[in-house]
Amino acid sequence: MAEREALRHTLEDGIARLGLSLPADAVARLLAYLALLERWNAAYNLTAVREPGAMVTRHLLDSLAVAPYVQGDTLADLGSGPGLPGIPLAIAAPQRRVTLIDANGKKARFLRAAVRELKLDNASVVERRVEDVEGSFDCVTARAFASLAEMLAWGGRLLAPGGVWLALKGRYPDDELAQVPAGFRVEAVHRLDVPGLDAERHLVAIRRAAD
């Protein structure tokens, strides 16, 4: 119980430091997600981060730091893995439709269980490779699973005209910015200050040209 309260305090303090205003039940749902991830991680090895306190910082707050930059009514989280940043973002904005996309069967099973158990009515899971996904989304999030050019080659068509692609990176991706393909432009590179995280984080916002 003491550990649970400590996690809650760390999370609430981090949310306050990020300047976010979340739904009343968000903290409870985020901690329920964390507990579920911890439980499944023992058998499925979904994340290398295993210490609950580190999970709050490296998974929950790291994901929530992106929230101010998400736009529109629909979001696709590509290569969602265990639901990062997609599930925290779905909890933070229940009015937005969030599609969690991952081709890995074990991860997709976890995502479906999380959506069901957390009662995330605004979230759905697609178990496919990015290249095989169909649809159009106002916003796309993607962690650093590839270079910016590769990400956009595989999934750029999923971004609605005028939509924004949010690529989560560690260090400033200076060498990748010039390789962004035609039809897309780098709008901004935001340095993210994640409470409690002693590591660089950058968010590259890429806008798709309006047709």
C-alpha atoms as a PDB file:
ATOM      1  CA  MET A   1       0.000   0.000   0.000  1.00  0.00           C
ATOM      2  CA  ALA A   2       2.849   2.395   0.842  1.00  0.00           C
ATOM      3  CA  GLU A   3       4.491   1.681  -2.507  1.00  0.00           C
ATOM      4  CA  ARG A   4       1.203   2.323  -4.298  1.00  0.00           C
ATOM      5  CA  GLU A   5       0.855   5.680  -2.547  1.00  0.00           C
ATOM      6  CA  ALA A   6       4.436   6.571  -3.443  1.00  0.00           C
ATOM      7  CA  LEU A   7       3.744   5.783  -7.110  1.00  0.00           C
ATOM      8  CA  ARG A   8       0.575   7.874  -6.989  1.00  0.00           C
ATOM      9  CA  HIS A   9       2.483  10.806  -5.482  1.00  0.00           C
ATOM     10  CA  THR A  10       5.232  10.585  -8.126  1.00  0.00           C
ATOM     11  CA  LEU A  11       2.646  10.446 -10.896  1.00  0.00           C
ATOM     12  CA  GLU A  12       0.520  13.300  -9.553  1.00  0.00           C
ATOM     13  CA  ASP A  13       3.603  15.457  -8.979  1.00  0.00           C
ATOM     14  CA  GLY A  14       4.845  14.722 -12.513  1.00  0.00           C
ATOM     15  CA  ILE A  15       1.470  15.568 -14.059  1.00  0.00           C
ATOM     16  CA  ALA A  16       1.449  18.876 -12.154  1.00  0.00           C
ATOM     17  CA  ARG A  17       4.999  19.667 -13.308  1.00  0.00           C
ATOM     18  CA  LEU A  18       3.977  18.953 -16.899  1.00  0.00           C
ATOM     19  CA  GLY A  19       1.148  21.462 -16.451  1.00  0.00           C
ATOM     20  CA  LEU A  20      -1.528  18.990 -17.529  1.00  0.00           C
ATOM     21  CA  SER A  21      -5.190  19.007 -16.589  1.00  0.00           C
ATOM     22  CA  LEU A  22      -6.473  15.424 -16.834  1.00  0.00           C
ATOM     23  CA  PRO A  23      -9.880  13.793 -16.222  1.00  0.00           C
ATOM     24  CA  ALA A  24     -10.748  13.069 -12.587  1.00  0.00           C
ATOM     25  CA  ASP A  25     -10.204   9.313 -12.963  1.00  0.00           C
ATOM     26  CA  ALA A  26      -6.994   9.574 -14.998  1.00  0.00           C
ATOM     27  CA  VAL A  27      -4.496   8.906 -12.203  1.00  0.00           C
ATOM     28  CA  ALA A  28      -6.371   5.809 -11.006  1.00  0.00           C
ATOM     29  CA  ARG A  29      -6.585   4.471 -14.577  1.00  0.00           C
ATOM     30  CA  LEU A  30      -2.918   5.185 -15.284  1.00  0.00           C
ATOM     31  CA  LEU A  31      -1.910   3.299 -12.128  1.00  0.00           C
ATOM     32  CA  ALA A  32      -4.251   0.423 -13.065  1.00  0.00           C
ATOM     33  CA  TYR A  33      -2.552   0.307 -16.477  1.00  0.00           C
ATOM     34  CA  LEU A  34       0.843   0.237 -14.778  1.00  0.00           C
ATOM     35  CA  ALA A  35      -0.209  -2.653 -12.513  1.00  0.00           C
ATOM     36  CA  LEU A  36      -1.513  -4.576 -15.539  1.00  0.00           C
ATOM     37  CA  LEU A  37       1.718  -3.969 -17.447  1.00  0.00           C
ATOM     38  CA  GLU A  38       3.743  -5.127 -14.450  1.00  0.00           C
ATOM     39  CA  ARG A  39       1.710  -8.322 -14.190  1.00  0.00           C
ATOM     40  CA  TRP A  40       1.907  -9.207 -17.875  1.00  0.00           C
ATOM     41  CA  ASN A  41       5.554  -8.219 -18.118  1.00  0.00           C
ATOM     42  CA  ALA A  42       6.590 -11.134 -15.899  1.00  0.00           C
ATOM     43  CA  ALA A  43       5.451 -13.616 -18.562  1.00  0.00           C
ATOM     44  CA  TYR A  44       5.455 -11.631 -21.807  1.00  0.00           C
ATOM     45  CA  ASN A  45       8.562  -9.438 -21.408  1.00  0.00           C
ATOM     46  CA  LEU A  46       6.779  -6.390 -22.838  1.00  0.00           C
ATOM     47  CA  THR A  47       9.258  -3.832 -21.522  1.00  0.00           C
ATOM     48  CA  ALA A  48      12.809  -3.856 -20.180  1.00  0.00           C
ATOM     49  CA  VAL A  49      11.763  -1.376 -17.477  1.00  0.00           C
ATOM     50  CA  ARG A  50      10.605  -3.479 -14.528  1.00  0.00           C
ATOM     51  CA  GLU A  51      10.808  -1.265 -11.436  1.00  0.00           C
ATOM     52  CA  PRO A  52       7.399   0.403 -10.851  1.00  0.00           C
ATOM     53  CA  GLY A  53       8.862   3.800  -9.950  1.00  0.00           C
ATOM     54  CA  ALA A  54      10.918   3.822 -13.142  1.00  0.00           C
ATOM     55  CA  MET A  55       7.805   2.809 -15.099  1.00  0.00           C
ATOM     56  CA  VAL A  56       5.969   5.891 -13.818  1.00  0.00           C
ATOM     57  CA  THR A  57       8.758   8.126 -15.107  1.00  0.00           C
ATOM     58  CA  ARG A  58       9.892   6.308 -18.250  1.00  0.00           C
ATOM     59  CA  HIS A  59       6.481   5.134 -19.448  1.00  0.00           C
ATOM     60  CA  LEU A  60       3.643   7.217 -17.988  1.00  0.00           C
ATOM     61  CA  LEU A  61       5.206  10.679 -17.657  1.00  0.00           C
ATOM     62  CA  ASP A  62       7.309  10.167 -20.801  1.00  0.00           C
ATOM     63  CA  SER A  63       4.079   9.496 -22.724  1.00  0.00           C
ATOM     64  CA  LEU A  64       2.057  12.279 -21.088  1.00  0.00           C
ATOM     65  CA  ALA A  65       4.748  14.822 -21.988  1.00  0.00           C
ATOM     66  CA  VAL A  66       3.530  14.426 -25.585  1.00  0.00           C
ATOM     67  CA  ALA A  67      -0.117  15.246 -24.739  1.00  0.00           C
ATOM     68  CA  PRO A  68       0.027  19.041 -25.329  1.00  0.00           C
ATOM     69  CA  TYR A  69       1.109  18.460 -28.933  1.00  0.00           C
ATOM     70  CA  VAL A  70      -1.557  15.937 -29.956  1.00  0.00           C
ATOM     71  CA  GLN A  71      -4.178  17.415 -32.293  1.00  0.00           C
ATOM     72  CA  GLY A  72      -7.493  16.405 -33.821  1.00  0.00           C
ATOM     73  CA  ASP A  73     -10.177  13.836 -33.101  1.00  0.00           C
ATOM     74  CA  THR A  74      -8.310  10.687 -34.185  1.00  0.00           C
ATOM     75  CA  LEU A  75      -4.890   9.366 -33.217  1.00  0.00           C
ATOM     76  CA  ALA A  76      -2.945   6.358 -34.468  1.00  0.00           C
ATOM     77  CA  ASP A  77      -0.105   5.062 -32.290  1.00  0.00           C
ATOM     78  CA  LEU A  78       2.245   3.139 -34.583  1.00  0.00           C
ATOM     79  CA  GLY A  79       4.367   0.335 -33.146  1.00  0.00           C
ATOM     80  CA  SER A  80       2.474   0.848 -29.905  1.00  0.00           C
ATOM     81  CA  GLY A  81       4.225  -2.045 -28.117  1.00  0.00           C
ATOM     82  CA  PRO A  82       2.725  -2.206 -24.627  1.00  0.00           C
ATOM     83  CA  GLY A  83       0.631   0.883 -25.412  1.00  0.00           C
ATOM     84  CA  LEU A  84       3.157   3.695 -25.241  1.00  0.00           C
ATOM     85  CA  PRO A  85       2.383   6.512 -25.664  1.00  0.00           C
ATOM     86  CA  GLY A  86      -1.085   5.495 -26.938  1.00  0.00           C
ATOM     87  CA  ILE A  87      -2.752   4.224 -23.762  1.00  0.00           C
ATOM     88  CA  PRO A  88      -1.700   7.130 -21.491  1.00  0.00           C
ATOM     89  CA  LEU A  89      -2.804   9.537 -24.256  1.00  0.00           C
ATOM     90  CA  ALA A  90      -6.168   7.725 -24.559  1.00  0.00           C
ATOM     91  CA  ILE A  91      -6.664   8.034 -20.792  1.00  0.00           C
ATOM     92  CA  ALA A  92      -5.674  11.716 -20.886  1.00  0.00           C
ATOM     93  CA  ALA A  93      -8.193  12.586 -23.636  1.00  0.00           C
ATOM     94  CA  PRO A  94     -11.216  10.240 -23.581  1.00  0.00           C
ATOM     95  CA  GLN A  95     -12.946  12.276 -26.300  1.00  0.00           C
ATOM     96  CA  ARG A  96     -10.275  11.320 -28.878  1.00  0.00           C
ATOM     97  CA  ARG A  97     -10.414   8.032 -30.827  1.00  0.00           C
ATOM     98  CA  VAL A  98      -7.082   6.229 -30.380  1.00  0.00           C
ATOM     99  CA  THR A  99      -5.985   3.288 -32.544  1.00  0.00           C
ATOM    100  CA  LEU A 100      -3.138   1.187 -31.112  1.00  0.00           C
ATOM    101  CA  ILE A 101      -1.211  -0.528 -33.903  1.00  0.00           C
ATOM    102  CA  ASP A 102       1.319  -3.332 -33.419  1.00  0.00           C
ATOM    103  CA  ALA A 103       2.153  -6.424 -35.469  1.00  0.00           C
ATOM    104  CA  ASN A 104       3.563  -8.417 -32.535  1.00  0.00           C
ATOM    105  CA  GLY A 105       0.988 -10.973 -31.367  1.00  0.00           C
ATOM    106  CA  LYS A 106       1.974 -10.923 -27.687  1.00  0.00           C
ATOM    107  CA  LYS A 107       1.892  -7.148 -27.535  1.00  0.00           C
ATOM    108  CA  ALA A 108      -1.428  -6.986 -29.382  1.00  0.00           C
ATOM    109  CA  ARG A 109      -2.912  -9.466 -26.899  1.00  0.00           C
ATOM    110  CA  PHE A 110      -1.794  -7.276 -24.028  1.00  0.00           C
ATOM    111  CA  LEU A 111      -3.198  -4.184 -25.734  1.00  0.00           C
ATOM    112  CA  ARG A 112      -6.597  -5.825 -26.179  1.00  0.00           C
ATOM    113  CA  ALA A 113      -6.600  -6.924 -22.521  1.00  0.00           C
ATOM    114  CA  ALA A 114      -5.651  -3.408 -21.394  1.00  0.00           C
ATOM    115  CA  VAL A 115      -8.382  -1.782 -23.496  1.00  0.00           C
ATOM    116  CA  ARG A 116     -10.917  -4.236 -22.067  1.00  0.00           C
ATOM    117  CA  GLU A 117      -9.853  -4.119 -18.401  1.00  0.00           C
ATOM    118  CA  LEU A 118      -9.321  -0.358 -18.293  1.00  0.00           C
ATOM    119  CA  LYS A 119     -12.641   0.177 -20.121  1.00  0.00           C
ATOM    120  CA  LEU A 120     -11.000   2.392 -22.725  1.00  0.00           C
ATOM    121  CA  ASP A 121     -14.073   2.914 -24.881  1.00  0.00           C
ATOM    122  CA  ASN A 122     -12.171   5.376 -27.074  1.00  0.00           C
ATOM    123  CA  ALA A 123      -9.343   2.934 -27.917  1.00  0.00           C
ATOM    124  CA  SER A 124      -9.075   0.019 -30.353  1.00  0.00           C
ATOM    125  CA  VAL A 125      -6.282  -2.370 -31.354  1.00  0.00           C
ATOM    126  CA  VAL A 126      -5.067  -3.258 -34.848  1.00  0.00           C
ATOM    127  CA  GLU A 127      -2.696  -6.237 -35.069  1.00  0.00           C
ATOM    128  CA  ARG A 128      -0.969  -5.528 -38.381  1.00  0.00           C
ATOM    129  CA  ARG A 129       2.258  -4.228 -39.828  1.00  0.00           C
ATOM    130  CA  VAL A 130       2.191  -0.478 -40.376  1.00  0.00           C
ATOM    131  CA  GLU A 131       2.400  -1.007 -44.152  1.00  0.00           C
ATOM    132  CA  ASP A 132      -0.845  -3.027 -44.099  1.00  0.00           C
ATOM    133  CA  VAL A 133      -2.931  -0.658 -41.975  1.00  0.00           C
ATOM    134  CA  GLU A 134      -5.709   1.338 -43.620  1.00  0.00           C
ATOM    135  CA  GLY A 135      -7.332   4.562 -42.533  1.00  0.00           C
ATOM    136  CA  SER A 136      -6.723   8.268 -42.112  1.00  0.00           C
ATOM    137  CA  PHE A 137      -5.839   9.956 -38.820  1.00  0.00           C
ATOM    138  CA  ASP A 138      -5.556  13.570 -37.680  1.00  0.00           C
ATOM    139  CA  CYS A 139      -2.467  12.711 -35.623  1.00  0.00           C
ATOM    140  CA  VAL A 140       0.071   9.882 -35.627  1.00  0.00           C
ATOM    141  CA  THR A 141       2.489   9.075 -32.803  1.00  0.00           C
ATOM    142  CA  ALA A 142       5.515   6.854 -33.236  1.00  0.00           C
ATOM    143  CA  ARG A 143       8.372   6.082 -30.903  1.00  0.00           C
ATOM    144  CA  ALA A 144      11.878   5.843 -32.363  1.00  0.00           C
ATOM    145  CA  PHE A 145      11.503   2.480 -34.113  1.00  0.00           C
ATOM    146  CA  ALA A 146      13.069   3.839 -37.331  1.00  0.00           C
ATOM    147  CA  SER A 147      14.388   7.000 -38.949  1.00  0.00           C
ATOM    148  CA  LEU A 148      11.951   9.784 -39.782  1.00  0.00           C
ATOM    149  CA  ALA A 149      12.224   9.009 -43.513  1.00  0.00           C
ATOM    150  CA  GLU A 150      11.537   5.298 -42.927  1.00  0.00           C
ATOM    151  CA  MET A 151       8.599   5.996 -40.622  1.00  0.00           C
ATOM    152  CA  LEU A 152       6.966   8.272 -43.182  1.00  0.00           C
ATOM    153  CA  ALA A 153       7.674   5.858 -46.041  1.00  0.00           C
ATOM    154  CA  TRP A 154       5.859   3.085 -44.168  1.00  0.00           C
ATOM    155  CA  GLY A 155       3.027   5.032 -42.589  1.00  0.00           C
ATOM    156  CA  GLY A 156       2.905   8.575 -43.917  1.00  0.00           C
ATOM    157  CA  ARG A 157      -0.200   7.795 -45.996  1.00  0.00           C
ATOM    158  CA  LEU A 158      -2.118   7.215 -42.727  1.00  0.00           C
ATOM    159  CA  LEU A 159      -1.782  10.890 -41.848  1.00  0.00           C
ATOM    160  CA  ALA A 160      -4.728  13.003 -43.005  1.00  0.00           C
ATOM    161  CA  PRO A 161      -3.933  16.060 -45.148  1.00  0.00           C
ATOM    162  CA  GLY A 162      -2.971  18.835 -42.748  1.00  0.00           C
ATOM    163  CA  GLY A 163      -2.428  16.288 -39.975  1.00  0.00           C
ATOM    164  CA  VAL A 164       0.559  16.160 -37.647  1.00  0.00           C
ATOM    165  CA  TRP A 165       3.026  13.292 -37.155  1.00  0.00           C
ATOM    166  CA  LEU A 166       4.671  13.242 -33.713  1.00  0.00           C
ATOM    167  CA  ALA A 167       7.927  11.272 -33.676  1.00  0.00           C
ATOM    168  CA  LEU A 168       9.348  10.560 -30.218  1.00  0.00           C
ATOM    169  CA  LYS A 169      13.130  10.676 -30.223  1.00  0.00           C
ATOM    170  CA  GLY A 170      15.917  10.691 -27.669  1.00  0.00           C
ATOM    171  CA  ARG A 171      18.676  12.989 -28.874  1.00  0.00           C
ATOM    172  CA  TYR A 172      18.030  15.815 -31.322  1.00  0.00           C
ATOM    173  CA  PRO A 173      17.783  13.986 -34.670  1.00  0.00           C
ATOM    174  CA  ASP A 174      19.801  16.514 -36.633  1.00  0.00           C
ATOM    175  CA  ASP A 175      20.895  14.094 -39.373  1.00  0.00           C
ATOM    176  CA  GLU A 176      17.330  12.860 -40.001  1.00  0.00           C
ATOM    177  CA  LEU A 177      15.552  16.184 -40.426  1.00  0.00           C
ATOM    178  CA  ALA A 178      16.855  16.853 -43.938  1.00  0.00           C
ATOM    179  CA  GLN A 179      15.681  13.416 -45.095  1.00  0.00           C
ATOM    180  CA  VAL A 180      11.949  14.045 -44.535  1.00  0.00           C
ATOM    181  CA  PRO A 181      10.270  13.240 -47.865  1.00  0.00           C
ATOM    182  CA  ALA A 182       8.332  15.590 -50.130  1.00  0.00           C
ATOM    183  CA  GLY A 183       4.747  16.218 -49.049  1.00  0.00           C
ATOM    184  CA  PHE A 184       5.805  16.578 -45.418  1.00  0.00           C
ATOM    185  CA  ARG A 185       7.562  19.390 -43.559  1.00  0.00           C
ATOM    186  CA  VAL A 186       9.175  19.558 -40.145  1.00  0.00           C
ATOM    187  CA  GLU A 187       7.092  22.054 -38.228  1.00  0.00           C
ATOM    188  CA  ALA A 188       9.029  22.023 -34.944  1.00  0.00           C
ATOM    189  CA  VAL A 189      11.353  19.981 -32.756  1.00  0.00           C
ATOM    190  CA  HIS A 190      10.299  20.237 -29.123  1.00  0.00           C
ATOM    191  CA  ARG A 191      12.627  19.399 -26.272  1.00  0.00           C
ATOM    192  CA  LEU A 192      10.595  17.486 -23.699  1.00  0.00           C
ATOM    193  CA  ASP A 193      11.386  17.890 -20.008  1.00  0.00           C
ATOM    194  CA  VAL A 194      10.066  14.686 -18.453  1.00  0.00           C
ATOM    195  CA  PRO A 195       9.898  15.009 -14.641  1.00  0.00           C
ATOM    196  CA  GLY A 196      12.407  12.690 -12.983  1.00  0.00           C
ATOM    197  CA  LEU A 197      14.019  11.548 -16.239  1.00  0.00           C
ATOM    198  CA  ASP A 198      17.737  12.195 -16.612  1.00  0.00           C
ATOM    199  CA  ALA A 199      17.872  11.688 -20.367  1.00  0.00           C
ATOM    200  CA  GLU A 200      17.266  13.699 -23.517  1.00  0.00           C
ATOM    201  CA  ARG A 201      13.831  13.587 -25.117  1.00  0.00           C
ATOM    202  CA  HIS A 202      12.749  15.354 -28.280  1.00  0.00           C
ATOM    203  CA  LEU A 203       9.465  15.386 -30.150  1.00  0.00           C
ATOM    204  CA  VAL A 204       9.560  16.035 -33.900  1.00  0.00           C
ATOM    205  CA  ALA A 205       6.311  17.502 -35.215  1.00  0.00           C
ATOM    206  CA  ILE A 206       5.885  16.890 -38.950  1.00  0.00           C
ATOM    207  CA  ARG A 207       2.970  18.348 -40.870  1.00  0.00           C
ATOM    208  CA  ARG A 208       1.489  16.697 -43.963  1.00  0.00           C
ATOM    209  CA  ALA A 209       0.757  19.102 -46.791  1.00  0.00           C
ATOM    210  CA  ALA A 210      -2.941  19.843 -47.202  1.00  0.00           C
ATOM    211  CA  ASP A 211      -4.318  18.545 -50.495  1.00  0.00           C
END
